[in-house]
Amino acid sequence: NGFVYAVDTGVVVIYGSTPSPPVLYHINSTARRTSLELSWRPTSPMAATRSFSLLMDDGQGGSMQNVANTVDFKSNQTDLITGLQYAFQIFASNEFGTGPLSPPYVVNTLPPGPPANP
């Protein structure tokens, strides 16, 4: 995905495309019980990406809901339920539209019990 600039008789025409899906990864070494920090890296040049939208399911395989719209490369998710498996997906947007969703990234929160190691 990139930009091609064409100049024809003094008129500049800009051709472009939507960004590729970013790659999600988990910053923390282990998922916490009720919160976690996700990060991502774009796969399109940053000039081609304007913002990111992070989607998350309900931890029980339900429909994905938008939980973050940002220009940053990370998001903290809180108020998660212990012992559940959460799926996340992300997409990037630019002036040409919205790119495709990333593959699902699945994180398990720790089960209930004694405090987790920091």
PDB file of N, CA and C in Angstrom:
ATOM      1  N   ASN A   1       0.841  -1.170   0.000  1.00  0.00           N
ATOM      2  CA  ASN A   1       0.000   0.000   0.000  1.00  0.00           C
ATOM      3  C   ASN A   1       0.883   1.229   0.000  1.00  0.00           C
ATOM      4  N   GLY A   2       0.661   2.081  -0.933  1.00  0.00           N
ATOM      5  CA  GLY A   2       1.481   3.269  -0.991  1.00  0.00           C
ATOM      6  C   GLY A   2       0.797   4.345  -1.793  1.00  0.00           C
ATOM      7  N   PHE A   3       1.522   5.400  -2.006  1.00  0.00           N
ATOM      8  CA  PHE A   3       1.003   6.526  -2.755  1.00  0.00           C
ATOM      9  C   PHE A   3       1.792   6.659  -4.040  1.00  0.00           C
ATOM     10  N   VAL A   4       1.101   6.954  -5.103  1.00  0.00           N
ATOM     11  CA  VAL A   4       1.736   7.232  -6.383  1.00  0.00           C
ATOM     12  C   VAL A   4       1.280   8.624  -6.803  1.00  0.00           C
ATOM     13  N   TYR A   5       2.219   9.456  -7.144  1.00  0.00           N
ATOM     14  CA  TYR A   5       1.894  10.807  -7.564  1.00  0.00           C
ATOM     15  C   TYR A   5       2.052  10.908  -9.072  1.00  0.00           C
ATOM     16  N   ALA A   6       1.026  11.387  -9.729  1.00  0.00           N
ATOM     17  CA  ALA A   6       1.073  11.550 -11.180  1.00  0.00           C
ATOM     18  C   ALA A   6       0.836  13.021 -11.512  1.00  0.00           C
ATOM     19  N   VAL A   7       1.700  13.573 -12.322  1.00  0.00           N
ATOM     20  CA  VAL A   7       1.558  14.969 -12.721  1.00  0.00           C
ATOM     21  C   VAL A   7       1.263  15.006 -14.209  1.00  0.00           C
ATOM     22  N   ASP A   8       0.136  15.625 -14.546  1.00  0.00           N
ATOM     23  CA  ASP A   8      -0.275  15.702 -15.944  1.00  0.00           C
ATOM     24  C   ASP A   8      -0.717  17.140 -16.218  1.00  0.00           C
ATOM     25  N   THR A   9       0.027  17.833 -17.002  1.00  0.00           N
ATOM     26  CA  THR A   9      -0.254  19.213 -17.400  1.00  0.00           C
ATOM     27  C   THR A   9      -0.538  20.133 -16.208  1.00  0.00           C
ATOM     28  N   GLY A  10       0.302  20.026 -15.180  1.00  0.00           N
ATOM     29  CA  GLY A  10       0.177  20.919 -14.038  1.00  0.00           C
ATOM     30  C   GLY A  10      -0.841  20.497 -12.997  1.00  0.00           C
ATOM     31  N   VAL A  11      -1.579  19.426 -13.225  1.00  0.00           N
ATOM     32  CA  VAL A  11      -2.558  18.944 -12.250  1.00  0.00           C
ATOM     33  C   VAL A  11      -1.955  17.736 -11.547  1.00  0.00           C
ATOM     34  N   VAL A  12      -1.957  17.764 -10.214  1.00  0.00           N
ATOM     35  CA  VAL A  12      -1.419  16.641  -9.453  1.00  0.00           C
ATOM     36  C   VAL A  12      -2.581  15.745  -9.038  1.00  0.00           C
ATOM     37  N   VAL A  13      -2.476  14.486  -9.394  1.00  0.00           N
ATOM     38  CA  VAL A  13      -3.480  13.496  -9.011  1.00  0.00           C
ATOM     39  C   VAL A  13      -2.809  12.532  -8.040  1.00  0.00           C
ATOM     40  N   ILE A  14      -3.424  12.331  -6.873  1.00  0.00           N
ATOM     41  CA  ILE A  14      -2.841  11.452  -5.880  1.00  0.00           C
ATOM     42  C   ILE A  14      -3.655  10.159  -5.834  1.00  0.00           C
ATOM     43  N   TYR A  15      -2.967   9.052  -6.063  1.00  0.00           N
ATOM     44  CA  TYR A  15      -3.587   7.746  -5.955  1.00  0.00           C
ATOM     45  C   TYR A  15      -3.081   7.105  -4.670  1.00  0.00           C
ATOM     46  N   GLY A  16      -3.925   6.426  -3.967  1.00  0.00           N
ATOM     47  CA  GLY A  16      -3.517   5.779  -2.724  1.00  0.00           C
ATOM     48  C   GLY A  16      -4.433   4.625  -2.408  1.00  0.00           C
ATOM     49  N   SER A  17      -4.238   4.082  -1.249  1.00  0.00           N
ATOM     50  CA  SER A  17      -5.069   2.974  -0.827  1.00  0.00           C
ATOM     51  C   SER A  17      -5.244   3.009   0.678  1.00  0.00           C
ATOM     52  N   THR A  18      -6.142   2.202   1.153  1.00  0.00           N
ATOM     53  CA  THR A  18      -6.354   2.103   2.592  1.00  0.00           C
ATOM     54  C   THR A  18      -5.175   1.362   3.213  1.00  0.00           C
ATOM     55  N   PRO A  19      -4.920   1.570   4.505  1.00  0.00           N
ATOM     56  CA  PRO A  19      -3.780   0.915   5.143  1.00  0.00           C
ATOM     57  C   PRO A  19      -4.006  -0.582   5.360  1.00  0.00           C
ATOM     58  N   SER A  20      -2.921  -1.318   5.417  1.00  0.00           N
ATOM     59  CA  SER A  20      -2.966  -2.739   5.755  1.00  0.00           C
ATOM     60  C   SER A  20      -3.294  -2.888   7.236  1.00  0.00           C
ATOM     61  N   PRO A  21      -3.758  -4.076   7.655  1.00  0.00           N
ATOM     62  CA  PRO A  21      -4.066  -4.240   9.083  1.00  0.00           C
ATOM     63  C   PRO A  21      -2.812  -4.205   9.940  1.00  0.00           C
ATOM     64  N   PRO A  22      -2.849  -3.499  11.069  1.00  0.00           N
ATOM     65  CA  PRO A  22      -1.717  -3.501  11.993  1.00  0.00           C
ATOM     66  C   PRO A  22      -1.541  -4.880  12.633  1.00  0.00           C
ATOM     67  N   VAL A  23      -0.387  -5.097  13.243  1.00  0.00           N
ATOM     68  CA  VAL A  23      -0.100  -6.348  13.944  1.00  0.00           C
ATOM     69  C   VAL A  23      -0.251  -6.095  15.442  1.00  0.00           C
ATOM     70  N   LEU A  24      -1.150  -6.839  16.090  1.00  0.00           N
ATOM     71  CA  LEU A  24      -1.377  -6.712  17.530  1.00  0.00           C
ATOM     72  C   LEU A  24      -0.411  -7.583  18.305  1.00  0.00           C
ATOM     73  N   TYR A  25       0.016  -7.099  19.465  1.00  0.00           N
ATOM     74  CA  TYR A  25       0.761  -7.933  20.396  1.00  0.00           C
ATOM     75  C   TYR A  25       0.525  -7.434  21.808  1.00  0.00           C
ATOM     76  N   HIS A  26       0.829  -8.260  22.760  1.00  0.00           N
ATOM     77  CA  HIS A  26       0.563  -8.001  24.167  1.00  0.00           C
ATOM     78  C   HIS A  26       1.845  -7.504  24.810  1.00  0.00           C
ATOM     79  N   ILE A  27       1.815  -6.318  25.411  1.00  0.00           N
ATOM     80  CA  ILE A  27       3.014  -5.745  26.016  1.00  0.00           C
ATOM     81  C   ILE A  27       3.391  -6.467  27.300  1.00  0.00           C
ATOM     82  N   ASN A  28       2.417  -6.721  28.169  1.00  0.00           N
ATOM     83  CA  ASN A  28       2.712  -7.344  29.455  1.00  0.00           C
ATOM     84  C   ASN A  28       3.216  -8.763  29.254  1.00  0.00           C
ATOM     85  N   SER A  29       4.077  -9.222  30.160  1.00  0.00           N
ATOM     86  CA  SER A  29       4.593 -10.587  30.036  1.00  0.00           C
ATOM     87  C   SER A  29       3.504 -11.611  30.313  1.00  0.00           C
ATOM     88  N   THR A  30       2.541 -11.269  31.153  1.00  0.00           N
ATOM     89  CA  THR A  30       1.375 -12.130  31.386  1.00  0.00           C
ATOM     90  C   THR A  30       0.152 -11.247  31.507  1.00  0.00           C
ATOM     91  N   ALA A  31      -0.969 -11.780  31.113  1.00  0.00           N
ATOM     92  CA  ALA A  31      -2.217 -11.021  31.255  1.00  0.00           C
ATOM     93  C   ALA A  31      -2.560 -10.905  32.724  1.00  0.00           C
ATOM     94  N   ARG A  32      -3.074  -9.779  33.119  1.00  0.00           N
ATOM     95  CA  ARG A  32      -3.519  -9.589  34.500  1.00  0.00           C
ATOM     96  C   ARG A  32      -4.918 -10.159  34.651  1.00  0.00           C
ATOM     97  N   ARG A  33      -5.424 -10.079  35.850  1.00  0.00           N
ATOM     98  CA  ARG A  33      -6.767 -10.614  36.093  1.00  0.00           C
ATOM     99  C   ARG A  33      -7.863  -9.739  35.489  1.00  0.00           C
ATOM    100  N   THR A  34      -7.756  -8.425  35.646  1.00  0.00           N
ATOM    101  CA  THR A  34      -8.852  -7.557  35.206  1.00  0.00           C
ATOM    102  C   THR A  34      -8.416  -6.440  34.267  1.00  0.00           C
ATOM    103  N   SER A  35      -7.148  -6.417  33.856  1.00  0.00           N
ATOM    104  CA  SER A  35      -6.699  -5.403  32.899  1.00  0.00           C
ATOM    105  C   SER A  35      -5.492  -5.921  32.135  1.00  0.00           C
ATOM    106  N   LEU A  36      -5.240  -5.319  30.992  1.00  0.00           N
ATOM    107  CA  LEU A  36      -4.051  -5.652  30.207  1.00  0.00           C
ATOM    108  C   LEU A  36      -3.737  -4.512  29.274  1.00  0.00           C
ATOM    109  N   GLU A  37      -2.517  -4.494  28.787  1.00  0.00           N
ATOM    110  CA  GLU A  37      -2.078  -3.467  27.851  1.00  0.00           C
ATOM    111  C   GLU A  37      -1.728  -4.127  26.524  1.00  0.00           C
ATOM    112  N   LEU A  38      -2.379  -3.675  25.474  1.00  0.00           N
ATOM    113  CA  LEU A  38      -2.109  -4.158  24.124  1.00  0.00           C
ATOM    114  C   LEU A  38      -1.346  -3.092  23.358  1.00  0.00           C
ATOM    115  N   SER A  39      -0.533  -3.539  22.437  1.00  0.00           N
ATOM    116  CA  SER A  39       0.186  -2.624  21.565  1.00  0.00           C
ATOM    117  C   SER A  39       0.090  -3.166  20.149  1.00  0.00           C
ATOM    118  N   TRP A  40       0.456  -2.347  19.182  1.00  0.00           N
ATOM    119  CA  TRP A  40       0.433  -2.772  17.788  1.00  0.00           C
ATOM    120  C   TRP A  40       1.460  -1.994  17.011  1.00  0.00           C
ATOM    121  N   ARG A  41       1.775  -2.536  15.868  1.00  0.00           N
ATOM    122  CA  ARG A  41       2.649  -1.819  14.942  1.00  0.00           C
ATOM    123  C   ARG A  41       1.982  -1.808  13.581  1.00  0.00           C
ATOM    124  N   PRO A  42       2.039  -0.679  12.918  1.00  0.00           N
ATOM    125  CA  PRO A  42       1.431  -0.598  11.587  1.00  0.00           C
ATOM    126  C   PRO A  42       2.248  -1.393  10.577  1.00  0.00           C
ATOM    127  N   THR A  43       1.581  -1.886   9.569  1.00  0.00           N
ATOM    128  CA  THR A  43       2.271  -2.576   8.481  1.00  0.00           C
ATOM    129  C   THR A  43       2.318  -1.712   7.226  1.00  0.00           C
ATOM    130  N   SER A  44       1.574  -0.609   7.239  1.00  0.00           N
ATOM    131  CA  SER A  44       1.642   0.376   6.160  1.00  0.00           C
ATOM    132  C   SER A  44       2.529   1.514   6.634  1.00  0.00           C
ATOM    133  N   PRO A  45       3.111   2.274   5.715  1.00  0.00           N
ATOM    134  CA  PRO A  45       3.886   3.441   6.143  1.00  0.00           C
ATOM    135  C   PRO A  45       3.011   4.381   6.979  1.00  0.00           C
ATOM    136  N   MET A  46       3.583   4.974   8.015  1.00  0.00           N
ATOM    137  CA  MET A  46       2.810   5.855   8.881  1.00  0.00           C
ATOM    138  C   MET A  46       2.173   7.011   8.117  1.00  0.00           C
ATOM    139  N   ALA A  47       2.792   7.454   7.046  1.00  0.00           N
ATOM    140  CA  ALA A  47       2.191   8.527   6.257  1.00  0.00           C
ATOM    141  C   ALA A  47       0.851   8.077   5.672  1.00  0.00           C
ATOM    142  N   ALA A  48       0.684   6.761   5.535  1.00  0.00           N
ATOM    143  CA  ALA A  48      -0.553   6.226   4.965  1.00  0.00           C
ATOM    144  C   ALA A  48      -1.587   5.896   6.039  1.00  0.00           C
ATOM    145  N   THR A  49      -1.249   6.089   7.322  1.00  0.00           N
ATOM    146  CA  THR A  49      -2.148   5.734   8.423  1.00  0.00           C
ATOM    147  C   THR A  49      -2.460   6.974   9.249  1.00  0.00           C
ATOM    148  N   ARG A  50      -3.739   7.204   9.516  1.00  0.00           N
ATOM    149  CA  ARG A  50      -4.150   8.372  10.290  1.00  0.00           C
ATOM    150  C   ARG A  50      -4.632   8.007  11.694  1.00  0.00           C
ATOM    151  N   SER A  51      -5.281   6.846  11.848  1.00  0.00           N
ATOM    152  CA  SER A  51      -5.795   6.456  13.155  1.00  0.00           C
ATOM    153  C   SER A  51      -6.004   4.941  13.205  1.00  0.00           C
ATOM    154  N   PHE A  52      -6.208   4.463  14.436  1.00  0.00           N
ATOM    155  CA  PHE A  52      -6.426   3.036  14.670  1.00  0.00           C
ATOM    156  C   PHE A  52      -7.703   2.862  15.472  1.00  0.00           C
ATOM    157  N   SER A  53      -8.410   1.765  15.224  1.00  0.00           N
ATOM    158  CA  SER A  53      -9.597   1.412  16.002  1.00  0.00           C
ATOM    159  C   SER A  53      -9.419  -0.008  16.505  1.00  0.00           C
ATOM    160  N   LEU A  54      -9.569  -0.184  17.823  1.00  0.00           N
ATOM    161  CA  LEU A  54      -9.392  -1.480  18.463  1.00  0.00           C
ATOM    162  C   LEU A  54     -10.756  -2.043  18.829  1.00  0.00           C
ATOM    163  N   LEU A  55     -10.990  -3.295  18.466  1.00  0.00           N
ATOM    164  CA  LEU A  55     -12.230  -3.984  18.776  1.00  0.00           C
ATOM    165  C   LEU A  55     -11.953  -5.100  19.770  1.00  0.00           C
ATOM    166  N   MET A  56     -12.934  -5.395  20.645  1.00  0.00           N
ATOM    167  CA  MET A  56     -12.782  -6.442  21.656  1.00  0.00           C
ATOM    168  C   MET A  56     -14.116  -7.168  21.797  1.00  0.00           C
ATOM    169  N   ASP A  57     -14.062  -8.492  21.992  1.00  0.00           N
ATOM    170  CA  ASP A  57     -15.303  -9.202  22.285  1.00  0.00           C
ATOM    171  C   ASP A  57     -15.583  -9.145  23.785  1.00  0.00           C
ATOM    172  N   ASP A  58     -16.633  -9.808  24.229  1.00  0.00           N
ATOM    173  CA  ASP A  58     -17.040  -9.731  25.629  1.00  0.00           C
ATOM    174  C   ASP A  58     -16.364 -10.771  26.520  1.00  0.00           C
ATOM    175  N   GLY A  59     -15.402 -11.505  25.991  1.00  0.00           N
ATOM    176  CA  GLY A  59     -14.716 -12.533  26.759  1.00  0.00           C
ATOM    177  C   GLY A  59     -15.430 -13.870  26.724  1.00  0.00           C
ATOM    178  N   GLN A  60     -16.554 -13.919  26.034  1.00  0.00           N
ATOM    179  CA  GLN A  60     -17.318 -15.145  25.928  1.00  0.00           C
ATOM    180  C   GLN A  60     -17.680 -15.451  24.478  1.00  0.00           C
ATOM    181  N   GLY A  61     -16.898 -14.900  23.568  1.00  0.00           N
ATOM    182  CA  GLY A  61     -17.119 -15.168  22.150  1.00  0.00           C
ATOM    183  C   GLY A  61     -18.210 -14.341  21.514  1.00  0.00           C
ATOM    184  N   GLY A  62     -18.665 -13.294  22.196  1.00  0.00           N
ATOM    185  CA  GLY A  62     -19.721 -12.443  21.659  1.00  0.00           C
ATOM    186  C   GLY A  62     -19.211 -11.527  20.558  1.00  0.00           C
ATOM    187  N   SER A  63     -20.083 -10.652  20.097  1.00  0.00           N
ATOM    188  CA  SER A  63     -19.720  -9.766  18.991  1.00  0.00           C
ATOM    189  C   SER A  63     -18.645  -8.772  19.426  1.00  0.00           C
ATOM    190  N   MET A  64     -17.866  -8.322  18.455  1.00  0.00           N
ATOM    191  CA  MET A  64     -16.788  -7.369  18.695  1.00  0.00           C
ATOM    192  C   MET A  64     -17.374  -5.963  18.849  1.00  0.00           C
ATOM    193  N   GLN A  65     -16.837  -5.223  19.831  1.00  0.00           N
ATOM    194  CA  GLN A  65     -17.244  -3.844  20.076  1.00  0.00           C
ATOM    195  C   GLN A  65     -16.019  -2.945  20.005  1.00  0.00           C
ATOM    196  N   ASN A  66     -16.202  -1.729  19.493  1.00  0.00           N
ATOM    197  CA  ASN A  66     -15.102  -0.775  19.422  1.00  0.00           C
ATOM    198  C   ASN A  66     -14.786  -0.280  20.827  1.00  0.00           C
ATOM    199  N   VAL A  67     -13.522  -0.455  21.264  1.00  0.00           N
ATOM    200  CA  VAL A  67     -13.127  -0.034  22.617  1.00  0.00           C
ATOM    201  C   VAL A  67     -12.079   1.078  22.612  1.00  0.00           C
ATOM    202  N   ALA A  68     -11.514   1.410  21.449  1.00  0.00           N
ATOM    203  CA  ALA A  68     -10.524   2.491  21.386  1.00  0.00           C
ATOM    204  C   ALA A  68     -10.406   3.019  19.965  1.00  0.00           C
ATOM    205  N   ASN A  69     -10.401   4.331  19.842  1.00  0.00           N
ATOM    206  CA  ASN A  69     -10.071   5.039  18.602  1.00  0.00           C
ATOM    207  C   ASN A  69      -8.925   5.963  18.962  1.00  0.00           C
ATOM    208  N   THR A  70      -7.779   5.769  18.323  1.00  0.00           N
ATOM    209  CA  THR A  70      -6.591   6.488  18.775  1.00  0.00           C
ATOM    210  C   THR A  70      -5.581   6.654  17.648  1.00  0.00           C
ATOM    211  N   VAL A  71      -4.640   7.555  17.860  1.00  0.00           N
ATOM    212  CA  VAL A  71      -3.483   7.688  16.977  1.00  0.00           C
ATOM    213  C   VAL A  71      -2.257   7.050  17.634  1.00  0.00           C
ATOM    214  N   ASP A  72      -2.428   6.580  18.888  1.00  0.00           N
ATOM    215  CA  ASP A  72      -1.346   5.933  19.628  1.00  0.00           C
ATOM    216  C   ASP A  72      -1.154   4.494  19.150  1.00  0.00           C
ATOM    217  N   PHE A  73      -0.107   3.845  19.706  1.00  0.00           N
ATOM    218  CA  PHE A  73       0.220   2.471  19.348  1.00  0.00           C
ATOM    219  C   PHE A  73      -0.049   1.500  20.490  1.00  0.00           C
ATOM    220  N   LYS A  74      -0.857   1.925  21.471  1.00  0.00           N
ATOM    221  CA  LYS A  74      -1.193   1.026  22.569  1.00  0.00           C
ATOM    222  C   LYS A  74      -2.510   1.446  23.188  1.00  0.00           C
ATOM    223  N   SER A  75      -3.095   0.501  23.930  1.00  0.00           N
ATOM    224  CA  SER A  75      -4.355   0.761  24.606  1.00  0.00           C
ATOM    225  C   SER A  75      -4.431  -0.098  25.863  1.00  0.00           C
ATOM    226  N   ASN A  76      -4.847   0.503  26.959  1.00  0.00           N
ATOM    227  CA  ASN A  76      -5.068  -0.231  28.202  1.00  0.00           C
ATOM    228  C   ASN A  76      -6.529  -0.635  28.264  1.00  0.00           C
ATOM    229  N   GLN A  77      -6.768  -1.908  28.510  1.00  0.00           N
ATOM    230  CA  GLN A  77      -8.128  -2.404  28.665  1.00  0.00           C
ATOM    231  C   GLN A  77      -8.333  -2.792  30.118  1.00  0.00           C
ATOM    232  N   THR A  78      -9.347  -2.233  30.727  1.00  0.00           N
ATOM    233  CA  THR A  78      -9.612  -2.470  32.140  1.00  0.00           C
ATOM    234  C   THR A  78     -11.006  -3.071  32.299  1.00  0.00           C
ATOM    235  N   ASP A  79     -11.364  -3.395  33.521  1.00  0.00           N
ATOM    236  CA  ASP A  79     -12.678  -3.957  33.851  1.00  0.00           C
ATOM    237  C   ASP A  79     -12.937  -5.287  33.139  1.00  0.00           C
ATOM    238  N   LEU A  80     -11.860  -6.037  32.894  1.00  0.00           N
ATOM    239  CA  LEU A  80     -12.018  -7.372  32.327  1.00  0.00           C
ATOM    240  C   LEU A  80     -12.428  -8.338  33.438  1.00  0.00           C
ATOM    241  N   ILE A  81     -12.962  -9.468  33.079  1.00  0.00           N
ATOM    242  CA  ILE A  81     -13.407 -10.467  34.047  1.00  0.00           C
ATOM    243  C   ILE A  81     -12.360 -11.574  34.118  1.00  0.00           C
ATOM    244  N   THR A  82     -12.034 -11.990  35.346  1.00  0.00           N
ATOM    245  CA  THR A  82     -11.011 -13.020  35.537  1.00  0.00           C
ATOM    246  C   THR A  82     -11.418 -14.332  34.885  1.00  0.00           C
ATOM    247  N   GLY A  83     -10.417 -15.043  34.363  1.00  0.00           N
ATOM    248  CA  GLY A  83     -10.619 -16.380  33.815  1.00  0.00           C
ATOM    249  C   GLY A  83     -11.295 -16.443  32.459  1.00  0.00           C
ATOM    250  N   LEU A  84     -11.419 -15.328  31.757  1.00  0.00           N
ATOM    251  CA  LEU A  84     -12.054 -15.343  30.436  1.00  0.00           C
ATOM    252  C   LEU A  84     -11.023 -15.181  29.333  1.00  0.00           C
ATOM    253  N   GLN A  85     -11.430 -15.525  28.131  1.00  0.00           N
ATOM    254  CA  GLN A  85     -10.578 -15.412  26.946  1.00  0.00           C
ATOM    255  C   GLN A  85     -11.141 -14.293  26.070  1.00  0.00           C
ATOM    256  N   TYR A  86     -10.363 -13.223  25.913  1.00  0.00           N
ATOM    257  CA  TYR A  86     -10.796 -12.069  25.134  1.00  0.00           C
ATOM    258  C   TYR A  86     -10.119 -12.071  23.767  1.00  0.00           C
ATOM    259  N   ALA A  87     -10.890 -11.742  22.739  1.00  0.00           N
ATOM    260  CA  ALA A  87     -10.350 -11.612  21.387  1.00  0.00           C
ATOM    261  C   ALA A  87     -10.335 -10.131  21.010  1.00  0.00           C
ATOM    262  N   PHE A  88      -9.253  -9.729  20.365  1.00  0.00           N
ATOM    263  CA  PHE A  88      -9.085  -8.343  19.919  1.00  0.00           C
ATOM    264  C   PHE A  88      -8.783  -8.333  18.431  1.00  0.00           C
ATOM    265  N   GLN A  89      -9.246  -7.301  17.747  1.00  0.00           N
ATOM    266  CA  GLN A  89      -8.878  -7.038  16.354  1.00  0.00           C
ATOM    267  C   GLN A  89      -8.696  -5.536  16.219  1.00  0.00           C
ATOM    268  N   ILE A  90      -7.930  -5.145  15.208  1.00  0.00           N
ATOM    269  CA  ILE A  90      -7.642  -3.727  15.001  1.00  0.00           C
ATOM    270  C   ILE A  90      -7.655  -3.420  13.515  1.00  0.00           C
ATOM    271  N   PHE A  91      -7.991  -2.189  13.184  1.00  0.00           N
ATOM    272  CA  PHE A  91      -7.862  -1.722  11.802  1.00  0.00           C
ATOM    273  C   PHE A  91      -7.344  -0.298  11.805  1.00  0.00           C
ATOM    274  N   ALA A  92      -6.763   0.098  10.702  1.00  0.00           N
ATOM    275  CA  ALA A  92      -6.227   1.448  10.532  1.00  0.00           C
ATOM    276  C   ALA A  92      -7.062   2.183   9.493  1.00  0.00           C
ATOM    277  N   SER A  93      -7.070   3.496   9.603  1.00  0.00           N
ATOM    278  CA  SER A  93      -7.808   4.334   8.650  1.00  0.00           C
ATOM    279  C   SER A  93      -6.913   5.457   8.157  1.00  0.00           C
ATOM    280  N   ASN A  94      -7.218   5.942   6.968  1.00  0.00           N
ATOM    281  CA  ASN A  94      -6.542   7.107   6.421  1.00  0.00           C
ATOM    282  C   ASN A  94      -7.519   7.855   5.529  1.00  0.00           C
ATOM    283  N   GLU A  95      -7.031   8.822   4.780  1.00  0.00           N
ATOM    284  CA  GLU A  95      -7.929   9.633   3.956  1.00  0.00           C
ATOM    285  C   GLU A  95      -8.593   8.853   2.831  1.00  0.00           C
ATOM    286  N   PHE A  96      -8.118   7.617   2.560  1.00  0.00           N
ATOM    287  CA  PHE A  96      -8.714   6.797   1.509  1.00  0.00           C
ATOM    288  C   PHE A  96      -9.738   5.813   2.053  1.00  0.00           C
ATOM    289  N   GLY A  97      -9.870   5.736   3.380  1.00  0.00           N
ATOM    290  CA  GLY A  97     -10.874   4.860   3.960  1.00  0.00           C
ATOM    291  C   GLY A  97     -10.318   3.985   5.068  1.00  0.00           C
ATOM    292  N   THR A  98     -11.067   2.963   5.367  1.00  0.00           N
ATOM    293  CA  THR A  98     -10.748   2.034   6.439  1.00  0.00           C
ATOM    294  C   THR A  98     -10.132   0.775   5.874  1.00  0.00           C
ATOM    295  N   GLY A  99      -9.001   0.364   6.461  1.00  0.00           N
ATOM    296  CA  GLY A  99      -8.343  -0.867   6.036  1.00  0.00           C
ATOM    297  C   GLY A  99      -9.020  -2.089   6.629  1.00  0.00           C
ATOM    298  N   PRO A 100      -8.574  -3.285   6.229  1.00  0.00           N
ATOM    299  CA  PRO A 100      -9.166  -4.517   6.728  1.00  0.00           C
ATOM    300  C   PRO A 100      -8.805  -4.779   8.194  1.00  0.00           C
ATOM    301  N   LEU A 101      -9.601  -5.604   8.835  1.00  0.00           N
ATOM    302  CA  LEU A 101      -9.336  -6.018  10.218  1.00  0.00           C
ATOM    303  C   LEU A 101      -8.124  -6.928  10.288  1.00  0.00           C
ATOM    304  N   SER A 102      -7.403  -6.833  11.391  1.00  0.00           N
ATOM    305  CA  SER A 102      -6.307  -7.766  11.654  1.00  0.00           C
ATOM    306  C   SER A 102      -6.903  -9.122  12.011  1.00  0.00           C
ATOM    307  N   PRO A 103      -6.081 -10.177  11.957  1.00  0.00           N
ATOM    308  CA  PRO A 103      -6.555 -11.456  12.488  1.00  0.00           C
ATOM    309  C   PRO A 103      -6.829 -11.296  13.989  1.00  0.00           C
ATOM    310  N   PRO A 104      -7.713 -12.115  14.554  1.00  0.00           N
ATOM    311  CA  PRO A 104      -7.974 -12.016  15.996  1.00  0.00           C
ATOM    312  C   PRO A 104      -6.716 -12.304  16.820  1.00  0.00           C
ATOM    313  N   TYR A 105      -6.549 -11.556  17.884  1.00  0.00           N
ATOM    314  CA  TYR A 105      -5.473 -11.770  18.858  1.00  0.00           C
ATOM    315  C   TYR A 105      -6.167 -12.127  20.161  1.00  0.00           C
ATOM    316  N   VAL A 106      -5.873 -13.302  20.704  1.00  0.00           N
ATOM    317  CA  VAL A 106      -6.592 -13.825  21.860  1.00  0.00           C
ATOM    318  C   VAL A 106      -5.710 -13.761  23.102  1.00  0.00           C
ATOM    319  N   VAL A 107      -6.282 -13.252  24.202  1.00  0.00           N
ATOM    320  CA  VAL A 107      -5.580 -13.142  25.476  1.00  0.00           C
ATOM    321  C   VAL A 107      -6.476 -13.749  26.551  1.00  0.00           C
ATOM    322  N   ASN A 108      -5.894 -14.582  27.418  1.00  0.00           N
ATOM    323  CA  ASN A 108      -6.612 -15.137  28.565  1.00  0.00           C
ATOM    324  C   ASN A 108      -6.293 -14.316  29.800  1.00  0.00           C
ATOM    325  N   THR A 109      -7.329 -13.884  30.513  1.00  0.00           N
ATOM    326  CA  THR A 109      -7.081 -13.254  31.804  1.00  0.00           C
ATOM    327  C   THR A 109      -6.829 -14.359  32.818  1.00  0.00           C
ATOM    328  N   LEU A 110      -6.094 -14.034  33.865  1.00  0.00           N
ATOM    329  CA  LEU A 110      -5.761 -15.027  34.880  1.00  0.00           C
ATOM    330  C   LEU A 110      -7.009 -15.419  35.658  1.00  0.00           C
ATOM    331  N   PRO A 111      -7.088 -16.659  36.110  1.00  0.00           N
ATOM    332  CA  PRO A 111      -8.252 -17.086  36.889  1.00  0.00           C
ATOM    333  C   PRO A 111      -8.266 -16.417  38.254  1.00  0.00           C
ATOM    334  N   PRO A 112      -9.431 -16.445  38.931  1.00  0.00           N
ATOM    335  CA  PRO A 112      -9.486 -15.881  40.283  1.00  0.00           C
ATOM    336  C   PRO A 112      -8.505 -16.608  41.190  1.00  0.00           C
ATOM    337  N   GLY A 113      -7.998 -15.906  42.172  1.00  0.00           N
ATOM    338  CA  GLY A 113      -7.050 -16.533  43.093  1.00  0.00           C
ATOM    339  C   GLY A 113      -6.219 -15.502  43.786  1.00  0.00           C
ATOM    340  N   PRO A 114      -5.072 -15.948  44.346  1.00  0.00           N
ATOM    341  CA  PRO A 114      -4.199 -15.003  45.047  1.00  0.00           C
ATOM    342  C   PRO A 114      -3.648 -13.968  44.064  1.00  0.00           C
ATOM    343  N   PRO A 115      -3.136 -12.859  44.573  1.00  0.00           N
ATOM    344  CA  PRO A 115      -2.614 -11.811  43.699  1.00  0.00           C
ATOM    345  C   PRO A 115      -1.611 -12.353  42.686  1.00  0.00           C
ATOM    346  N   ALA A 116      -1.698 -11.832  41.463  1.00  0.00           N
ATOM    347  CA  ALA A 116      -0.780 -12.237  40.392  1.00  0.00           C
ATOM    348  C   ALA A 116       0.590 -11.624  40.625  1.00  0.00           C
ATOM    349  N   ASN A 117       1.622 -12.273  40.118  1.00  0.00           N
ATOM    350  CA  ASN A 117       2.952 -11.685  40.173  1.00  0.00           C
ATOM    351  C   ASN A 117       2.973 -10.438  39.323  1.00  0.00           C
ATOM    352  N   PRO A 118       3.659  -9.372  39.780  1.00  0.00           N
ATOM    353  CA  PRO A 118       3.679  -8.122  38.994  1.00  0.00           C
ATOM    354  C   PRO A 118       4.392  -8.295  37.675  1.00  0.00           C
TER     355      PRO A 118
END
